[in-house]
Protein backbone atom coordinates (compact mmCIF):
# COMPACT_ATOMS: atom_id res chain seq x y z
CA MET A 1 0.00 0.00 0.00
CA PRO A 2 1.51 3.38 -0.97
CA ILE A 3 2.33 5.80 1.85
CA SER A 4 0.00 8.80 1.94
CA ALA A 5 1.35 12.31 1.32
CA PRO A 6 0.45 13.55 4.87
CA ARG A 7 2.27 10.57 6.39
CA GLN A 8 5.31 11.15 4.19
CA ALA A 9 5.36 14.81 5.26
CA ALA A 10 5.09 13.84 8.92
CA GLU A 11 7.94 11.35 8.58
CA ARG A 12 10.13 14.05 7.02
CA THR A 13 9.11 16.73 9.53
CA GLY A 14 9.52 14.63 12.67
CA PRO A 15 13.26 13.96 12.34
CA VAL A 16 13.89 17.59 11.32
CA VAL A 17 12.15 18.89 14.43
CA ALA A 18 14.03 16.41 16.60
CA ARG A 19 17.35 17.51 15.14
CA ALA A 20 16.49 21.18 15.61
CA LEU A 21 15.69 20.48 19.25
CA GLN A 22 19.01 18.66 19.62
CA ILE A 23 20.75 21.80 18.42
CA LEU A 24 18.89 24.01 20.89
CA ALA A 25 19.54 21.53 23.71
CA ALA A 26 23.28 21.81 23.10
CA PHE A 27 23.24 25.20 24.84
CA THR A 28 23.57 25.17 28.63
CA PRO A 29 24.39 27.74 31.32
CA ASP A 30 28.04 26.77 30.84
CA ARG A 31 27.79 26.75 27.03
CA ARG A 32 26.06 29.98 26.07
CA THR A 33 28.11 30.51 22.89
CA LEU A 34 29.02 27.68 20.52
CA THR A 35 30.90 27.60 17.23
CA LEU A 36 29.55 25.47 14.40
CA SER A 37 31.92 22.60 15.19
CA GLU A 38 31.12 22.79 18.91
CA LEU A 39 27.42 22.85 18.15
CA SER A 40 27.85 19.79 15.94
CA ARG A 41 29.76 17.91 18.63
CA HIS A 42 27.39 18.70 21.51
CA ALA A 43 24.27 18.07 19.41
CA GLY A 44 25.69 14.83 18.06
CA LEU A 45 24.91 15.78 14.46
CA PRO A 46 26.99 16.20 11.30
CA VAL A 47 28.41 19.66 10.66
CA SER A 48 26.53 19.93 7.36
CA THR A 49 23.20 19.19 9.09
CA VAL A 50 23.87 21.65 11.86
CA HIS A 51 24.94 24.33 9.39
CA ARG A 52 21.69 23.99 7.45
CA LEU A 53 19.35 23.80 10.44
CA ALA A 54 21.18 26.52 12.36
CA ALA A 55 20.70 28.87 9.40
CA GLU A 56 16.95 28.20 9.53
CA LEU A 57 16.89 28.73 13.30
CA VAL A 58 18.77 32.02 12.89
CA ALA A 59 16.31 33.14 10.21
CA TRP A 60 13.38 32.38 12.54
CA GLY A 61 15.05 34.01 15.56
CA ALA A 62 15.59 30.94 17.73
CA LEU A 63 19.35 31.42 17.36
CA GLU A 64 21.53 34.46 16.83
CA ARG A 65 25.01 34.50 15.33
CA ASP A 66 27.99 36.84 15.61
CA GLN A 67 31.75 36.59 15.18
CA THR A 68 32.09 34.43 18.31
CA GLY A 69 29.51 31.83 17.33
CA TYR A 70 25.85 30.97 17.88
CA HIS A 71 23.67 32.07 20.82
CA ILE A 72 20.08 31.45 21.87
CA GLY A 73 17.85 34.06 20.21
CA LEU A 74 15.32 36.41 21.74
CA ARG A 75 12.49 34.76 19.82
CA LEU A 76 12.68 31.79 22.18
CA TRP A 77 12.45 34.15 25.15
CA GLU A 78 9.34 35.72 23.61
CA ILE A 79 7.74 32.30 23.14
CA GLY A 80 8.80 31.18 26.63
CA SER A 81 7.18 34.23 28.17
CA LEU A 82 3.79 32.85 27.12
CA ALA A 83 4.13 29.84 29.42
CA PRO A 84 1.57 30.27 32.24
CA ARG A 85 3.83 28.45 34.72
CA GLY A 86 6.74 30.68 33.79
CA LEU A 87 6.50 34.41 33.38
CA GLY A 88 2.71 34.37 33.85
CA LEU A 89 3.20 33.03 37.36
CA ARG A 90 6.14 35.38 37.86
CA GLU A 91 4.08 38.46 36.96
CA CYS A 92 1.41 37.55 39.52
CA ALA A 93 3.94 36.76 42.21
CA LEU A 94 6.53 39.49 41.67
CA PRO A 95 4.91 42.26 43.78
CA PHE A 96 4.74 39.90 46.76
CA LEU A 97 8.26 38.59 46.18
CA GLU A 98 9.54 42.17 46.14
CA ASP A 99 7.71 42.93 49.39
CA LEU A 100 9.24 39.86 51.00
CA SER A 101 12.68 40.86 49.75
CA GLN A 102 12.35 44.40 51.11
CA VAL A 103 11.21 43.18 54.51
CA THR A 104 13.90 40.54 54.95
CA ARG A 105 16.79 41.69 52.68
CA GLU A 106 17.34 38.00 51.99
CA ASN A 107 17.20 35.75 48.91
CA VAL A 108 13.65 35.19 47.71
CA GLN A 109 12.92 32.39 45.22
CA LEU A 110 9.91 31.24 43.23
CA ALA A 111 9.88 27.77 41.68
CA VAL A 112 7.70 25.16 39.99
CA ARG A 113 8.05 21.42 39.48
CA GLU A 114 8.89 20.04 36.04
CA GLY A 115 8.85 16.25 36.17
CA THR A 116 11.29 15.24 38.89
CA GLU A 117 13.14 18.57 39.07
CA VAL A 118 12.66 22.10 40.36
CA VAL A 119 12.68 24.95 37.84
CA PHE A 120 13.35 28.40 39.28
CA VAL A 121 11.04 31.03 37.80
CA GLU A 122 12.31 34.04 39.75
CA ARG A 123 15.02 34.93 42.26
CA ILE A 124 15.60 38.22 44.04
CA ALA A 125 19.00 38.45 45.73
CA GLY A 126 19.38 40.34 49.00
CA SER A 127 22.18 42.89 49.24
CA LYS A 128 24.10 40.92 51.88
CA ALA A 129 22.38 37.58 51.45
CA VAL A 130 24.09 34.20 51.45
CA PRO A 131 25.32 33.09 47.97
CA VAL A 132 23.10 30.48 46.33
CA LEU A 133 23.64 27.92 43.57
CA THR A 134 20.31 28.57 41.83
CA ARG A 135 19.48 30.84 38.90
CA VAL A 136 16.34 31.86 37.04
CA GLY A 137 15.52 29.16 34.51
CA GLY A 138 17.84 26.73 36.28
CA ARG A 139 16.94 23.25 37.47
CA PHE A 140 17.69 21.51 40.74
CA ALA A 141 16.88 18.31 42.58
CA LEU A 142 13.53 18.17 44.38
CA THR A 143 15.13 16.52 47.39
CA ALA A 144 17.46 19.23 48.70
CA THR A 145 16.02 22.76 48.45
CA GLY A 146 13.15 24.20 50.46
CA VAL A 147 11.01 24.78 47.37
CA GLY A 148 11.87 21.31 46.12
CA LEU A 149 10.71 19.66 49.33
CA VAL A 150 7.44 21.60 49.21
CA LEU A 151 6.79 20.62 45.60
CA LEU A 152 7.76 17.01 46.19
CA ALA A 153 5.58 16.80 49.30
CA HIS A 154 2.55 17.77 47.20
CA ALA A 155 3.51 15.90 44.01
CA PRO A 156 1.54 12.86 42.78
CA ALA A 157 2.46 9.59 44.49
CA ASP A 158 4.11 8.16 41.37
CA VAL A 159 6.41 11.20 41.13
CA GLN A 160 7.35 10.85 44.80
CA GLU A 161 8.15 7.17 44.36
CA GLN A 162 10.22 7.84 41.27
CA VAL A 163 12.28 10.46 43.11
CA LEU A 164 12.69 8.38 46.25
CA ALA A 165 13.85 5.42 44.15
CA GLY A 166 16.92 7.51 43.40
CA PRO A 167 19.60 8.20 42.73
CA ILE A 168 19.49 11.06 45.24
CA THR A 169 22.24 13.65 44.96
CA ARG A 170 24.26 14.55 48.05
CA TYR A 171 25.37 18.19 48.18
CA THR A 172 26.62 18.39 51.77
CA GLU A 173 27.07 16.05 54.72
CA ARG A 174 23.58 17.09 55.86
CA THR A 175 21.76 16.31 52.62
CA MET A 176 18.99 13.76 53.11
CA THR A 177 19.69 10.85 50.77
CA THR A 178 17.61 7.95 52.09
CA PRO A 179 13.94 7.32 51.32
CA HIS A 180 13.22 7.04 55.06
CA GLN A 181 14.64 10.50 55.78
CA LEU A 182 12.84 12.07 52.86
CA ARG A 183 9.47 10.46 53.61
CA ALA A 184 9.65 11.87 57.14
CA ALA A 185 10.61 15.32 55.83
CA LEU A 186 7.77 15.30 53.29
CA ALA A 187 5.26 14.29 55.97
CA ASP A 188 6.50 17.11 58.22
CA THR A 189 6.22 19.57 55.34
CA ARG A 190 2.60 18.64 54.68
CA ALA A 191 1.71 18.70 58.38
CA ARG A 192 3.16 22.12 59.26
CA GLY A 193 2.55 23.83 55.90
CA TYR A 194 6.16 24.69 55.06
CA ALA A 195 9.52 23.03 54.39
CA ILE A 196 12.92 23.49 55.99
CA SER A 197 16.18 22.79 54.18
CA ASP A 198 18.96 23.25 56.72
CA ARG A 199 22.46 23.21 55.16
CA GLN A 200 21.38 20.60 52.63
CA VAL A 201 22.65 22.47 49.56
CA THR A 202 25.52 24.47 51.06
CA MET A 203 26.79 24.44 54.63
CA ASP A 204 26.14 28.16 55.13
CA ALA A 205 22.51 28.33 53.98
CA LEU A 206 19.07 27.71 55.48
CA SER A 207 15.97 27.69 53.30
CA VAL A 208 12.33 27.88 54.36
CA ALA A 209 9.60 27.46 51.72
CA ALA A 210 5.80 27.49 51.51
CA PRO A 211 3.35 26.18 48.89
CA ILE A 212 1.37 28.30 46.43
CA HIS A 213 -2.08 26.97 45.51
CA ASP A 214 -4.24 27.53 42.44
CA ALA A 215 -7.98 28.18 42.50
CA HIS A 216 -8.64 24.44 42.83
CA GLY A 217 -6.40 24.11 45.87
CA ASP A 218 -3.61 22.28 44.03
CA VAL A 219 0.00 23.22 44.78
CA VAL A 220 1.40 24.78 41.60
CA ALA A 221 4.53 26.54 42.89
CA ALA A 222 6.57 27.32 45.98
CA VAL A 223 8.19 30.44 47.42
CA SER A 224 11.23 30.42 49.68
CA LEU A 225 13.66 32.51 51.69
CA VAL A 226 17.32 31.49 51.75
CA VAL A 227 19.31 32.98 54.63
CA HIS A 228 22.66 32.51 56.35
CA HIS A 229 22.54 29.49 58.63
CA GLY A 230 22.20 30.65 62.21
CA SER A 231 20.93 34.13 61.33
CA ALA A 232 17.24 33.32 61.85
CA SER A 233 15.01 30.58 63.17
CA PRO A 234 13.01 28.66 60.54
CA HIS A 235 9.93 29.05 62.70
CA ALA A 236 10.40 32.83 62.70
CA LEU A 237 10.63 32.92 58.91
CA ALA A 238 7.72 30.57 58.28
CA PRO A 239 4.88 33.08 58.99
CA LEU A 240 6.36 35.53 56.45
CA LEU A 241 6.60 32.79 53.81
CA ARG A 242 3.11 31.46 54.43
CA THR A 243 1.60 34.96 54.28
CA SER A 244 3.36 35.67 50.99
CA ALA A 245 2.36 32.29 49.58
CA ARG A 246 -1.30 32.87 50.46
CA ALA A 247 -1.20 36.34 48.86
CA ILE A 248 0.31 34.92 45.65
CA SER A 249 -2.27 32.11 45.65
CA ARG A 250 -5.10 34.66 45.81
CA ALA A 251 -3.55 36.67 42.95
CA LEU A 252 -3.41 33.72 40.57
CA PRO A 253 -6.12 33.70 37.88
């Protein structure tokens, strides 16, 4: 039986889209600029293929090119800004994040769950706040950060089991890495309404986080404060976080 024209078109389009995505995925926070040969190597594609597809991506605006090489283009940022869990959430939350930052002068973070990882949507750094390893648009394990523990505590059971089955990354000597420890921490998070990450990512940082709910009561994001360890009690920070989280929840459409 002859293959239909729509099916033939789909078979041609599918691999092209996959290869284009491989090219875009070659860029990372540590690889923001890539030459053609570097792009070919990291994408795992022939130079000729990359050269052709990169030209199309540049023409569309997904990539930009200068004398140093290729970069991610602003067109992708424009498209990404339409994501309701990204900048849409950020726009609703930002006034409350700024208030929290002004009151505490500490690091304020907003994050969502993507699969088995945390994605940071916004971060406001305090003037003398503890350094953090996170960045806007960056990903992190659900098991170590305050926002991660909140999101994992309210994730579907199959997601929790997948994460607890490991492997679980250890960042410091205090990082929880056993299912027993994490199950207890997740239960505590649900019971008290906020999470505590005490020196689990770096030995000088304490994070307290609270859940943000949508109109249906589902947890869709988390907000946190990250402070110097020993500078404040988690139980003193928790009311500020929970108040901000409730305000953001009410502001969501």
